[in-house]
């Protein structure tokens, strides 16, 4: 049985999150959370929060054993960008794009 959780419009670049998720995809949930806890990046805390949400969603089903859950898939899609402006020389302006991400975590029970 698969369960998922989605965090939308997270204010971080998708490329920064994709660097983090490679090391935890396919691992048991407990191992993945332990790895994320010791990563210094901001994205690690955000992904950890979504994984905990997916585990809580799975816990709502009475037939799912939370201890055997595996991180089946993690997807990071780009959300809308916030467009900002920065003053430059000679009265010009340049655009700053503040990117957002949609993080999707799918957990499933380990096949024995």
Protein backbone atom coordinates (compact mmCIF):
# COMPACT_ATOMS: atom_id res chain seq x y z
CA UNK A 1 0.00 0.00 0.00
CA UNK A 2 1.42 3.36 -1.03
CA UNK A 3 0.91 6.59 0.85
CA UNK A 4 2.11 10.01 -0.19
CA UNK A 5 2.54 13.52 1.13
CA UNK A 6 3.06 16.72 -0.86
CA UNK A 7 4.58 20.02 0.21
CA UNK A 8 3.76 22.74 -2.29
CA UNK A 9 5.23 26.20 -2.83
CA UNK A 10 8.29 25.57 -0.64
CA UNK A 11 10.64 28.55 -0.97
CA UNK A 12 13.78 26.73 -2.11
CA UNK A 13 15.23 25.98 -5.52
CA UNK A 14 14.36 22.50 -6.87
CA UNK A 15 18.01 21.84 -7.78
CA UNK A 16 19.06 22.23 -4.14
CA UNK A 17 16.45 19.69 -3.02
CA UNK A 18 17.36 17.21 -5.77
CA UNK A 19 20.94 17.06 -4.44
CA UNK A 20 19.61 15.80 -1.10
CA UNK A 21 17.07 13.19 -2.22
CA UNK A 22 19.46 10.92 -4.10
CA UNK A 23 20.91 9.47 -0.90
CA UNK A 24 17.62 8.55 0.75
CA UNK A 25 15.44 7.26 -2.10
CA UNK A 26 14.73 3.54 -1.73
CA UNK A 27 15.90 3.37 1.89
CA UNK A 28 13.81 2.49 4.95
CA UNK A 29 12.13 5.52 6.50
CA UNK A 30 14.13 5.37 9.74
CA UNK A 31 17.45 5.23 7.86
CA UNK A 32 16.43 8.10 5.60
CA UNK A 33 15.40 10.29 8.51
CA UNK A 34 18.69 9.58 10.32
CA UNK A 35 20.67 10.61 7.23
CA UNK A 36 18.66 13.81 6.83
CA UNK A 37 19.11 14.75 10.47
CA UNK A 38 22.88 15.13 10.02
CA UNK A 39 22.83 17.01 6.71
CA UNK A 40 23.54 20.73 7.10
CA UNK A 41 21.44 21.89 4.14
CA UNK A 42 18.12 23.69 4.50
CA UNK A 43 16.53 21.23 2.08
CA UNK A 44 17.22 18.34 4.47
CA UNK A 45 14.87 19.77 7.09
CA UNK A 46 12.15 20.41 4.52
CA UNK A 47 12.35 16.88 3.07
CA UNK A 48 12.37 15.39 6.58
CA UNK A 49 9.15 17.22 7.37
CA UNK A 50 7.43 15.84 4.24
CA UNK A 51 8.63 12.29 4.99
CA UNK A 52 7.23 12.52 8.53
CA UNK A 53 3.93 13.71 7.05
CA UNK A 54 3.83 10.73 4.67
CA UNK A 55 4.48 8.35 7.59
CA UNK A 56 1.68 10.01 9.57
CA UNK A 57 -0.63 9.60 6.57
CA UNK A 58 0.29 5.91 6.38
CA UNK A 59 -0.33 5.53 10.11
CA UNK A 60 -3.98 6.48 9.55
CA UNK A 61 -4.50 3.17 7.73
CA UNK A 62 -5.04 0.39 10.25
CA UNK A 63 -3.46 -2.33 8.09
CA UNK A 64 -0.10 -0.57 7.56
CA UNK A 65 2.92 -1.32 9.77
CA UNK A 66 4.84 1.96 10.11
CA UNK A 67 8.10 0.19 11.04
CA UNK A 68 8.35 -1.53 7.64
CA UNK A 69 7.83 1.58 5.51
CA UNK A 70 10.31 2.34 2.73
CA UNK A 71 10.78 5.63 0.88
CA UNK A 72 9.64 4.42 -2.51
CA UNK A 73 9.97 7.68 -4.44
CA UNK A 74 10.68 11.36 -3.95
CA UNK A 75 9.85 13.88 -6.65
CA UNK A 76 10.77 17.54 -6.74
CA UNK A 77 9.00 19.72 -9.29
CA UNK A 78 9.43 23.42 -9.88
CA UNK A 79 6.67 25.69 -8.66
CA UNK A 80 6.00 29.27 -9.69
CA UNK A 81 8.84 31.76 -9.34
CA UNK A 82 8.54 34.98 -7.38
CA UNK A 83 9.75 37.81 -9.59
CA UNK A 84 11.69 40.50 -7.78
CA UNK A 85 13.69 43.52 -8.88
CA UNK A 86 17.14 44.75 -7.89
CA UNK A 87 18.44 48.22 -8.65
CA UNK A 88 21.57 48.26 -10.82
CA UNK A 89 23.95 50.87 -12.13
CA UNK A 90 22.81 53.77 -14.38
CA UNK A 91 19.21 53.56 -13.25
CA UNK A 92 18.67 50.11 -14.60
CA UNK A 93 17.01 47.21 -12.90
CA UNK A 94 17.59 43.48 -13.09
CA UNK A 95 15.21 40.66 -12.35
CA UNK A 96 15.69 38.22 -9.49
CA UNK A 97 13.79 34.93 -9.67
CA UNK A 98 13.03 33.37 -6.31
CA UNK A 99 12.16 29.79 -7.16
CA UNK A 100 9.72 27.53 -5.37
CA UNK A 101 9.43 23.73 -5.24
CA UNK A 102 6.76 21.08 -4.93
CA UNK A 103 8.11 18.09 -2.96
CA UNK A 104 6.26 14.76 -3.23
CA UNK A 105 7.20 11.76 -1.06
CA UNK A 106 5.75 8.27 -1.65
CA UNK A 107 6.22 5.62 1.05
CA UNK A 108 5.20 1.97 0.77
CA UNK A 109 5.47 -1.15 2.88
CA UNK A 110 8.58 -3.23 2.28
CA UNK A 111 7.93 -6.35 0.22
CA UNK A 112 9.01 -9.41 2.21
